[in-house]
Amino acid sequence: MYKRILAAVNEFTNSEIAAKYAVFLAKSCRAKLLLVFVAEDKLDKSTFRRAESALERLFIEAEDNDIDIESITEKGDPFKKISEIVRRNSIDIVFTATRRGDTEKGFFAKTLAREFMVKLMCSVAMVRVVRMSRGYPGNILVPVRGRMTHIEEKAGFVAGLAEAFNSSVTLFHLSDPITGFFHGEIHLKPAEREEHIPKDIVQFADFLHRYKVYHEKKIAYGAVSRSITIEAAHKRNDLIVMGASERSLLKSIVSGNPVEQVLRETPCNLIVLRPRPQHP
């Protein structure tokens, strides 16, 4: 699915952990991997050395996994430089980690993460690292909803990670209760909920079947962000993968978004996938 993957690396440990997801997805997809560090102006030598050390460790790990790997170091504005590399190398997806300051500012308010998610013309996987020392994900929690877009890419992304880490997958769907005129909200029994699963979620599950990825479906009621974080904490999930569309990201700048709430409150590592924009 992905032929060329780019991981943006800097001096922070969370970016190295985020890049590891790119390494293993590249292995699963048999894709070429580009590790890119862009040194901003007035960067001190110790910071530069930490970033270079991270690149070296990731490069060695990729080589050990027989991945076609290239390491690039540039100087300048990170967004401009990475945008140029994306265009020049026909990159399919970019992995980037949220930075420490993003939590305080808001993930989509004038941050580098927002620029990548909104402006890059390829797919973007934004990684929120919570557990620095946790091992590979044994189970991946995937919140899904009706009226999904880019179903095949999202399912392929999840399948690629699941294959790489030998992980199981839980599809977590929050269902709206049925409203009765006399009785208010009616919460269906588990067997009845299965009959009301949207067709695009069934299609998502079918794609996982094609990729031979073991998964289970779970249906619940409740507020989106809170239900996701509670489920992840209760089941001790190691990774959450959520999808984000261009429209929801742009809307979130004005009115907020459940994705941003989960980014703030997630009890485990989280990847927000923004598929490649569709343009005429």
C-alpha atoms as a PDB file:
ATOM      1  CA  MET A   1       0.000   0.000   0.000  1.00  0.00           C
ATOM      2  CA  TYR A   2       2.657   2.509   1.063  1.00  0.00           C
ATOM      3  CA  LYS A   3       5.806   2.503  -1.083  1.00  0.00           C
ATOM      4  CA  ARG A   4       7.716   5.436   0.460  1.00  0.00           C
ATOM      5  CA  ILE A   5       7.472   6.350   4.150  1.00  0.00           C
ATOM      6  CA  LEU A   6       9.068   9.358   5.842  1.00  0.00           C
ATOM      7  CA  ALA A   7       9.701   9.679   9.590  1.00  0.00           C
ATOM      8  CA  ALA A   8      10.439  13.162  10.942  1.00  0.00           C
ATOM      9  CA  VAL A   9      13.022  12.850  13.713  1.00  0.00           C
ATOM     10  CA  ASN A  10      14.267  15.437  16.210  1.00  0.00           C
ATOM     11  CA  GLU A  11      16.210  15.468  19.486  1.00  0.00           C
ATOM     12  CA  PHE A  12      13.292  14.312  21.654  1.00  0.00           C
ATOM     13  CA  THR A  13      12.719  10.695  22.673  1.00  0.00           C
ATOM     14  CA  ASN A  14       9.059  10.780  21.606  1.00  0.00           C
ATOM     15  CA  SER A  15      10.056  11.430  17.986  1.00  0.00           C
ATOM     16  CA  GLU A  16      12.340   8.380  18.040  1.00  0.00           C
ATOM     17  CA  ILE A  17       9.524   6.213  19.402  1.00  0.00           C
ATOM     18  CA  ALA A  18       7.138   7.603  16.764  1.00  0.00           C
ATOM     19  CA  ALA A  19       9.708   6.787  14.076  1.00  0.00           C
ATOM     20  CA  LYS A  20       9.826   3.173  15.279  1.00  0.00           C
ATOM     21  CA  TYR A  21       6.206   2.785  14.175  1.00  0.00           C
ATOM     22  CA  ALA A  22       7.341   4.003  10.744  1.00  0.00           C
ATOM     23  CA  VAL A  23      10.198   1.466  10.754  1.00  0.00           C
ATOM     24  CA  PHE A  24       7.871  -1.459  11.403  1.00  0.00           C
ATOM     25  CA  LEU A  25       5.200  -0.243   8.982  1.00  0.00           C
ATOM     26  CA  ALA A  26       7.920   0.010   6.312  1.00  0.00           C
ATOM     27  CA  LYS A  27       8.916  -3.570   7.081  1.00  0.00           C
ATOM     28  CA  SER A  28       5.305  -4.764   6.817  1.00  0.00           C
ATOM     29  CA  CYS A  29       4.685  -2.844   3.558  1.00  0.00           C
ATOM     30  CA  ARG A  30       8.155  -3.570   2.127  1.00  0.00           C
ATOM     31  CA  ALA A  31       8.466   0.189   1.634  1.00  0.00           C
ATOM     32  CA  LYS A  32      11.452   2.507   1.428  1.00  0.00           C
ATOM     33  CA  LEU A  33      11.972   4.532   4.612  1.00  0.00           C
ATOM     34  CA  LEU A  34      13.406   8.046   4.815  1.00  0.00           C
ATOM     35  CA  LEU A  35      14.553   9.302   8.220  1.00  0.00           C
ATOM     36  CA  VAL A  36      14.632  13.106   8.171  1.00  0.00           C
ATOM     37  CA  PHE A  37      16.039  15.542  10.711  1.00  0.00           C
ATOM     38  CA  VAL A  38      15.715  19.276  10.036  1.00  0.00           C
ATOM     39  CA  ALA A  39      17.927  21.395  12.273  1.00  0.00           C
ATOM     40  CA  GLU A  40      16.322  24.756  13.015  1.00  0.00           C
ATOM     41  CA  ASP A  41      18.426  27.907  13.170  1.00  0.00           C
ATOM     42  CA  LYS A  42      20.559  28.464  16.287  1.00  0.00           C
ATOM     43  CA  LEU A  43      20.337  24.827  17.338  1.00  0.00           C
ATOM     44  CA  ASP A  44      23.066  24.061  19.890  1.00  0.00           C
ATOM     45  CA  LYS A  45      25.586  21.266  19.344  1.00  0.00           C
ATOM     46  CA  SER A  46      24.344  18.976  22.137  1.00  0.00           C
ATOM     47  CA  THR A  47      20.806  19.052  20.737  1.00  0.00           C
ATOM     48  CA  PHE A  48      22.125  18.332  17.247  1.00  0.00           C
ATOM     49  CA  ARG A  49      24.136  15.365  18.555  1.00  0.00           C
ATOM     50  CA  ARG A  50      21.062  13.891  20.294  1.00  0.00           C
ATOM     51  CA  ALA A  51      19.097  14.035  17.052  1.00  0.00           C
ATOM     52  CA  GLU A  52      21.983  12.512  15.082  1.00  0.00           C
ATOM     53  CA  SER A  53      22.253   9.692  17.638  1.00  0.00           C
ATOM     54  CA  ALA A  54      18.533   8.971  17.271  1.00  0.00           C
ATOM     55  CA  LEU A  55      18.923   8.838  13.481  1.00  0.00           C
ATOM     56  CA  GLU A  56      21.817   6.412  13.821  1.00  0.00           C
ATOM     57  CA  ARG A  57      19.909   4.069  16.159  1.00  0.00           C
ATOM     58  CA  LEU A  58      16.859   4.068  13.876  1.00  0.00           C
ATOM     59  CA  PHE A  59      19.028   3.524  10.788  1.00  0.00           C
ATOM     60  CA  ILE A  60      20.687   0.474  12.359  1.00  0.00           C
ATOM     61  CA  GLU A  61      17.315  -0.961  13.432  1.00  0.00           C
ATOM     62  CA  ALA A  62      15.926  -0.494   9.928  1.00  0.00           C
ATOM     63  CA  GLU A  63      18.973  -2.175   8.356  1.00  0.00           C
ATOM     64  CA  ASP A  64      18.619  -5.091  10.780  1.00  0.00           C
ATOM     65  CA  ASN A  65      15.069  -5.523   9.481  1.00  0.00           C
ATOM     66  CA  ASP A  66      16.204  -5.478   5.816  1.00  0.00           C
ATOM     67  CA  ILE A  67      14.461  -2.171   5.096  1.00  0.00           C
ATOM     68  CA  ASP A  68      15.538   0.058   2.221  1.00  0.00           C
ATOM     69  CA  ILE A  69      16.621   3.047   4.336  1.00  0.00           C
ATOM     70  CA  GLU A  70      17.920   6.571   3.728  1.00  0.00           C
ATOM     71  CA  SER A  71      18.875   9.187   6.323  1.00  0.00           C
ATOM     72  CA  ILE A  72      18.617  12.908   5.509  1.00  0.00           C
ATOM     73  CA  THR A  73      19.772  15.882   7.591  1.00  0.00           C
ATOM     74  CA  GLU A  74      18.792  19.399   6.512  1.00  0.00           C
ATOM     75  CA  LYS A  75      18.913  22.880   8.019  1.00  0.00           C
ATOM     76  CA  GLY A  76      16.070  25.404   7.975  1.00  0.00           C
ATOM     77  CA  ASP A  77      12.339  25.496   8.572  1.00  0.00           C
ATOM     78  CA  PRO A  78      11.117  21.932   9.363  1.00  0.00           C
ATOM     79  CA  PHE A  79       7.775  22.223   7.547  1.00  0.00           C
ATOM     80  CA  LYS A  80       9.242  23.757   4.380  1.00  0.00           C
ATOM     81  CA  LYS A  81      12.117  21.295   4.191  1.00  0.00           C
ATOM     82  CA  ILE A  82       9.966  18.235   4.819  1.00  0.00           C
ATOM     83  CA  SER A  83       7.370  19.470   2.301  1.00  0.00           C
ATOM     84  CA  GLU A  84      10.138  19.686  -0.307  1.00  0.00           C
ATOM     85  CA  ILE A  85      11.356  16.172   0.512  1.00  0.00           C
ATOM     86  CA  VAL A  86       7.784  14.834   0.321  1.00  0.00           C
ATOM     87  CA  ARG A  87       7.333  16.289  -3.166  1.00  0.00           C
ATOM     88  CA  ARG A  88      10.799  15.367  -4.411  1.00  0.00           C
ATOM     89  CA  ASN A  89      10.572  11.746  -3.262  1.00  0.00           C
ATOM     90  CA  SER A  90       6.843  11.112  -3.874  1.00  0.00           C
ATOM     91  CA  ILE A  91       6.330  10.217  -0.212  1.00  0.00           C
ATOM     92  CA  ASP A  92       3.118   8.321   0.579  1.00  0.00           C
ATOM     93  CA  ILE A  93       2.945   8.922   4.347  1.00  0.00           C
ATOM     94  CA  VAL A  94       4.782  11.015   6.955  1.00  0.00           C
ATOM     95  CA  PHE A  95       5.162  10.024  10.604  1.00  0.00           C
ATOM     96  CA  THR A  96       5.525  12.875  13.081  1.00  0.00           C
ATOM     97  CA  ALA A  97       5.407  13.069  16.874  1.00  0.00           C
ATOM     98  CA  THR A  98       3.521  15.689  18.851  1.00  0.00           C
ATOM     99  CA  ARG A  99       5.881  17.949  20.756  1.00  0.00           C
ATOM    100  CA  ARG A 100       5.807  18.799  24.443  1.00  0.00           C
ATOM    101  CA  GLY A 101       4.402  22.271  23.849  1.00  0.00           C
ATOM    102  CA  ASP A 102       1.543  20.937  21.715  1.00  0.00           C
ATOM    103  CA  THR A 103      -0.309  19.739  24.830  1.00  0.00           C
ATOM    104  CA  GLU A 104      -0.373  23.243  26.275  1.00  0.00           C
ATOM    105  CA  LYS A 105      -1.185  25.067  23.035  1.00  0.00           C
ATOM    106  CA  GLY A 106      -3.801  22.701  21.682  1.00  0.00           C
ATOM    107  CA  PHE A 107      -2.764  20.136  19.111  1.00  0.00           C
ATOM    108  CA  PHE A 108      -4.263  22.023  16.178  1.00  0.00           C
ATOM    109  CA  ALA A 109      -3.427  25.612  17.170  1.00  0.00           C
ATOM    110  CA  LYS A 110      -0.333  27.021  15.423  1.00  0.00           C
ATOM    111  CA  THR A 111       1.838  23.946  15.932  1.00  0.00           C
ATOM    112  CA  LEU A 112       4.099  22.012  13.585  1.00  0.00           C
ATOM    113  CA  ALA A 113       1.799  19.014  14.049  1.00  0.00           C
ATOM    114  CA  ARG A 114      -1.137  21.063  12.747  1.00  0.00           C
ATOM    115  CA  GLU A 115       0.863  22.204   9.703  1.00  0.00           C
ATOM    116  CA  PHE A 116       1.749  18.618   8.818  1.00  0.00           C
ATOM    117  CA  MET A 117      -1.814  17.379   9.315  1.00  0.00           C
ATOM    118  CA  VAL A 118      -3.525  20.170   7.380  1.00  0.00           C
ATOM    119  CA  LYS A 119      -1.033  21.129   4.671  1.00  0.00           C
ATOM    120  CA  LEU A 120       1.041  18.110   3.599  1.00  0.00           C
ATOM    121  CA  MET A 121      -0.191  16.578   0.352  1.00  0.00           C
ATOM    122  CA  CYS A 122       0.425  12.995   1.493  1.00  0.00           C
ATOM    123  CA  SER A 123      -1.005  10.893   4.311  1.00  0.00           C
ATOM    124  CA  VAL A 124       0.144  11.850   7.817  1.00  0.00           C
ATOM    125  CA  ALA A 125       0.396   9.718  10.964  1.00  0.00           C
ATOM    126  CA  MET A 126       0.659  11.929  14.046  1.00  0.00           C
ATOM    127  CA  VAL A 127       1.915  10.004  17.090  1.00  0.00           C
ATOM    128  CA  ARG A 128       1.209  10.978  20.680  1.00  0.00           C
ATOM    129  CA  VAL A 129       3.697   9.124  22.881  1.00  0.00           C
ATOM    130  CA  VAL A 130       2.560   8.474  26.437  1.00  0.00           C
ATOM    131  CA  ARG A 131       4.530   5.359  27.382  1.00  0.00           C
ATOM    132  CA  MET A 132       8.209   5.762  26.654  1.00  0.00           C
ATOM    133  CA  SER A 133       9.343   2.312  27.739  1.00  0.00           C
ATOM    134  CA  ARG A 134       6.352   0.132  26.793  1.00  0.00           C
ATOM    135  CA  GLY A 135       7.066  -2.726  24.408  1.00  0.00           C
ATOM    136  CA  TYR A 136       5.379  -3.429  21.100  1.00  0.00           C
ATOM    137  CA  PRO A 137       1.581  -3.188  21.045  1.00  0.00           C
ATOM    138  CA  GLY A 138      -0.169  -6.479  21.832  1.00  0.00           C
ATOM    139  CA  ASN A 139      -3.606  -5.050  21.111  1.00  0.00           C
ATOM    140  CA  ILE A 140      -4.580  -2.051  18.984  1.00  0.00           C
ATOM    141  CA  LEU A 141      -7.810  -0.200  19.761  1.00  0.00           C
ATOM    142  CA  VAL A 142      -9.417   1.289  16.643  1.00  0.00           C
ATOM    143  CA  PRO A 143     -12.414   3.604  17.246  1.00  0.00           C
ATOM    144  CA  VAL A 144     -14.678   3.470  14.176  1.00  0.00           C
ATOM    145  CA  ARG A 145     -17.824   5.341  13.255  1.00  0.00           C
ATOM    146  CA  GLY A 146     -20.412   5.531  10.510  1.00  0.00           C
ATOM    147  CA  ARG A 147     -19.861   7.681   7.419  1.00  0.00           C
ATOM    148  CA  MET A 148     -16.146   6.901   7.297  1.00  0.00           C
ATOM    149  CA  THR A 149     -13.947   7.987   4.396  1.00  0.00           C
ATOM    150  CA  HIS A 150     -10.746   6.414   3.033  1.00  0.00           C
ATOM    151  CA  ILE A 151     -11.806   3.076   4.511  1.00  0.00           C
ATOM    152  CA  GLU A 152      -9.332   0.994   2.514  1.00  0.00           C
ATOM    153  CA  GLU A 153      -6.312   3.111   3.481  1.00  0.00           C
ATOM    154  CA  LYS A 154      -7.289   3.240   7.154  1.00  0.00           C
ATOM    155  CA  ALA A 155      -7.839  -0.523   7.281  1.00  0.00           C
ATOM    156  CA  GLY A 156      -4.562  -1.114   5.442  1.00  0.00           C
ATOM    157  CA  PHE A 157      -2.698   1.136   7.882  1.00  0.00           C
ATOM    158  CA  VAL A 158      -4.091  -0.744  10.890  1.00  0.00           C
ATOM    159  CA  ALA A 159      -3.421  -4.103   9.210  1.00  0.00           C
ATOM    160  CA  GLY A 160       0.175  -3.099   8.450  1.00  0.00           C
ATOM    161  CA  LEU A 161       0.886  -2.228  12.077  1.00  0.00           C
ATOM    162  CA  ALA A 162      -0.936  -5.327  13.349  1.00  0.00           C
ATOM    163  CA  GLU A 163       1.101  -7.561  11.040  1.00  0.00           C
ATOM    164  CA  ALA A 164       4.362  -5.850  11.947  1.00  0.00           C
ATOM    165  CA  PHE A 165       3.820  -6.227  15.711  1.00  0.00           C
ATOM    166  CA  ASN A 166       1.742  -9.430  15.599  1.00  0.00           C
ATOM    167  CA  SER A 167      -1.040  -7.497  17.367  1.00  0.00           C
ATOM    168  CA  SER A 168      -4.738  -8.205  17.728  1.00  0.00           C
ATOM    169  CA  VAL A 169      -7.226  -5.448  16.840  1.00  0.00           C
ATOM    170  CA  THR A 170     -10.394  -4.269  18.579  1.00  0.00           C
ATOM    171  CA  LEU A 171     -12.841  -2.259  16.470  1.00  0.00           C
ATOM    172  CA  PHE A 172     -14.636   0.010  18.938  1.00  0.00           C
ATOM    173  CA  HIS A 173     -17.912   1.506  17.729  1.00  0.00           C
ATOM    174  CA  LEU A 174     -19.924   3.999  19.768  1.00  0.00           C
ATOM    175  CA  SER A 175     -23.539   3.573  18.813  1.00  0.00           C
ATOM    176  CA  ASP A 176     -26.202   6.246  19.180  1.00  0.00           C
ATOM    177  CA  PRO A 177     -29.188   5.037  21.206  1.00  0.00           C
ATOM    178  CA  ILE A 178     -32.505   4.691  19.383  1.00  0.00           C
ATOM    179  CA  THR A 179     -34.967   7.378  20.463  1.00  0.00           C
ATOM    180  CA  GLY A 180     -38.540   6.290  21.224  1.00  0.00           C
ATOM    181  CA  PHE A 181     -41.370   8.844  21.205  1.00  0.00           C
ATOM    182  CA  PHE A 182     -42.805   7.706  24.556  1.00  0.00           C
ATOM    183  CA  HIS A 183     -39.815   6.045  26.188  1.00  0.00           C
ATOM    184  CA  GLY A 184     -36.909   8.381  25.398  1.00  0.00           C
ATOM    185  CA  GLU A 185     -33.566   6.764  24.614  1.00  0.00           C
ATOM    186  CA  ILE A 186     -33.622   3.007  24.096  1.00  0.00           C
ATOM    187  CA  HIS A 187     -30.321   1.155  24.595  1.00  0.00           C
ATOM    188  CA  LEU A 188     -30.219  -2.058  22.603  1.00  0.00           C
ATOM    189  CA  LYS A 189     -28.899  -5.381  23.864  1.00  0.00           C
ATOM    190  CA  PRO A 190     -25.515  -6.540  22.482  1.00  0.00           C
ATOM    191  CA  ALA A 191     -27.091  -8.970  19.983  1.00  0.00           C
ATOM    192  CA  GLU A 192     -29.428  -6.232  18.733  1.00  0.00           C
ATOM    193  CA  ARG A 193     -26.583  -3.731  18.361  1.00  0.00           C
ATOM    194  CA  GLU A 194     -24.892  -5.977  15.786  1.00  0.00           C
ATOM    195  CA  GLU A 195     -27.863  -5.456  13.459  1.00  0.00           C
ATOM    196  CA  HIS A 196     -27.374  -1.668  13.588  1.00  0.00           C
ATOM    197  CA  ILE A 197     -23.639  -1.525  12.761  1.00  0.00           C
ATOM    198  CA  PRO A 198     -23.133   0.887   9.832  1.00  0.00           C
ATOM    199  CA  LYS A 199     -22.191  -0.734   6.522  1.00  0.00           C
ATOM    200  CA  ASP A 200     -18.881   1.123   6.238  1.00  0.00           C
ATOM    201  CA  ILE A 201     -17.733  -0.363   9.559  1.00  0.00           C
ATOM    202  CA  VAL A 202     -18.611  -3.812   8.218  1.00  0.00           C
ATOM    203  CA  GLN A 203     -16.570  -2.918   5.126  1.00  0.00           C
ATOM    204  CA  PHE A 204     -13.630  -1.882   7.349  1.00  0.00           C
ATOM    205  CA  ALA A 205     -13.810  -5.273   9.091  1.00  0.00           C
ATOM    206  CA  ASP A 206     -13.956  -7.038   5.708  1.00  0.00           C
ATOM    207  CA  PHE A 207     -10.709  -5.348   4.671  1.00  0.00           C
ATOM    208  CA  LEU A 208      -9.049  -6.588   7.870  1.00  0.00           C
ATOM    209  CA  HIS A 209     -10.256 -10.105   6.999  1.00  0.00           C
ATOM    210  CA  ARG A 210      -8.584  -9.788   3.592  1.00  0.00           C
ATOM    211  CA  TYR A 211      -5.342  -8.816   5.298  1.00  0.00           C
ATOM    212  CA  LYS A 212      -5.795 -11.850   7.605  1.00  0.00           C
ATOM    213  CA  VAL A 213      -5.710  -9.667  10.721  1.00  0.00           C
ATOM    214  CA  TYR A 214      -7.453 -11.067  13.786  1.00  0.00           C
ATOM    215  CA  HIS A 215      -9.948  -8.600  15.221  1.00  0.00           C
ATOM    216  CA  GLU A 216     -13.020  -8.346  17.398  1.00  0.00           C
ATOM    217  CA  LYS A 217     -15.844  -5.819  17.395  1.00  0.00           C
ATOM    218  CA  LYS A 218     -17.098  -4.021  20.473  1.00  0.00           C
ATOM    219  CA  ILE A 219     -20.106  -1.700  20.568  1.00  0.00           C
ATOM    220  CA  ALA A 220     -20.866   0.742  23.384  1.00  0.00           C
ATOM    221  CA  TYR A 221     -22.729   3.939  24.209  1.00  0.00           C
ATOM    222  CA  GLY A 222     -21.422   7.201  25.643  1.00  0.00           C
ATOM    223  CA  ALA A 223     -19.437  10.371  24.988  1.00  0.00           C
ATOM    224  CA  VAL A 224     -16.856   9.700  22.265  1.00  0.00           C
ATOM    225  CA  SER A 225     -13.572  10.820  23.821  1.00  0.00           C
ATOM    226  CA  ARG A 226     -14.341   9.635  27.348  1.00  0.00           C
ATOM    227  CA  SER A 227     -15.571   6.220  26.179  1.00  0.00           C
ATOM    228  CA  ILE A 228     -12.420   5.675  24.096  1.00  0.00           C
ATOM    229  CA  THR A 229     -10.014   6.576  26.903  1.00  0.00           C
ATOM    230  CA  ILE A 230     -11.926   4.472  29.444  1.00  0.00           C
ATOM    231  CA  GLU A 231     -11.967   1.478  27.094  1.00  0.00           C
ATOM    232  CA  ALA A 232      -8.233   1.810  26.420  1.00  0.00           C
ATOM    233  CA  ALA A 233      -7.419   2.066  30.129  1.00  0.00           C
ATOM    234  CA  HIS A 234      -9.780  -0.726  31.198  1.00  0.00           C
ATOM    235  CA  LYS A 235      -8.516  -3.195  28.583  1.00  0.00           C
ATOM    236  CA  ARG A 236      -4.913  -1.995  28.943  1.00  0.00           C
ATOM    237  CA  ASN A 237      -4.570  -1.362  25.242  1.00  0.00           C
ATOM    238  CA  ASP A 238      -1.065  -0.491  24.075  1.00  0.00           C
ATOM    239  CA  LEU A 239      -2.005   1.676  21.099  1.00  0.00           C
ATOM    240  CA  ILE A 240      -5.030   3.597  19.801  1.00  0.00           C
ATOM    241  CA  VAL A 241      -5.348   4.338  16.076  1.00  0.00           C
ATOM    242  CA  MET A 242      -7.887   6.994  15.106  1.00  0.00           C
ATOM    243  CA  GLY A 243      -8.751   8.489  11.745  1.00  0.00           C
ATOM    244  CA  ALA A 244      -9.099  12.197  11.012  1.00  0.00           C
ATOM    245  CA  SER A 245     -10.413  13.846   7.875  1.00  0.00           C
ATOM    246  CA  GLU A 246      -9.422  17.254   6.548  1.00  0.00           C
ATOM    247  CA  ARG A 247     -12.874  18.610   7.319  1.00  0.00           C
ATOM    248  CA  SER A 248     -12.829  17.554  10.978  1.00  0.00           C
ATOM    249  CA  LEU A 249      -9.323  18.931  11.465  1.00  0.00           C
ATOM    250  CA  LEU A 250     -10.197  22.332  10.060  1.00  0.00           C
ATOM    251  CA  LYS A 251     -13.427  22.420  12.050  1.00  0.00           C
ATOM    252  CA  SER A 252     -11.550  21.511  15.231  1.00  0.00           C
ATOM    253  CA  ILE A 253      -9.561  24.749  15.046  1.00  0.00           C
ATOM    254  CA  VAL A 254     -12.796  26.646  15.667  1.00  0.00           C
ATOM    255  CA  SER A 255     -15.002  24.361  17.733  1.00  0.00           C
ATOM    256  CA  GLY A 256     -12.800  21.615  19.153  1.00  0.00           C
ATOM    257  CA  ASN A 257     -12.822  17.929  18.247  1.00  0.00           C
ATOM    258  CA  PRO A 258     -13.106  14.548  20.034  1.00  0.00           C
ATOM    259  CA  VAL A 259      -9.772  13.577  18.448  1.00  0.00           C
ATOM    260  CA  GLU A 260      -8.039  16.431  20.262  1.00  0.00           C
ATOM    261  CA  GLN A 261      -9.677  15.421  23.542  1.00  0.00           C
ATOM    262  CA  VAL A 262      -8.410  11.861  23.166  1.00  0.00           C
ATOM    263  CA  LEU A 263      -4.948  13.232  22.308  1.00  0.00           C
ATOM    264  CA  ARG A 264      -4.923  15.054  25.645  1.00  0.00           C
ATOM    265  CA  GLU A 265      -6.351  12.246  27.781  1.00  0.00           C
ATOM    266  CA  THR A 266      -5.128   9.019  26.153  1.00  0.00           C
ATOM    267  CA  PRO A 267      -3.718   6.476  28.647  1.00  0.00           C
ATOM    268  CA  CYS A 268      -1.532   4.844  25.977  1.00  0.00           C
ATOM    269  CA  ASN A 269       0.262   5.760  22.758  1.00  0.00           C
ATOM    270  CA  LEU A 270      -2.020   7.134  20.061  1.00  0.00           C
ATOM    271  CA  ILE A 271      -1.734   7.519  16.290  1.00  0.00           C
ATOM    272  CA  VAL A 272      -4.049   9.888  14.424  1.00  0.00           C
ATOM    273  CA  LEU A 273      -4.079   9.022  10.722  1.00  0.00           C
ATOM    274  CA  ARG A 274      -4.959  11.765   8.253  1.00  0.00           C
ATOM    275  CA  PRO A 275      -5.285  10.052   4.852  1.00  0.00           C
ATOM    276  CA  ARG A 276      -3.981  11.642   1.678  1.00  0.00           C
ATOM    277  CA  PRO A 277      -6.196  14.593   0.675  1.00  0.00           C
ATOM    278  CA  GLN A 278      -8.342  14.035  -2.382  1.00  0.00           C
ATOM    279  CA  HIS A 279      -8.039  16.900  -4.864  1.00  0.00           C
ATOM    280  CA  PRO A 280      -9.310  17.314  -8.418  1.00  0.00           C
END
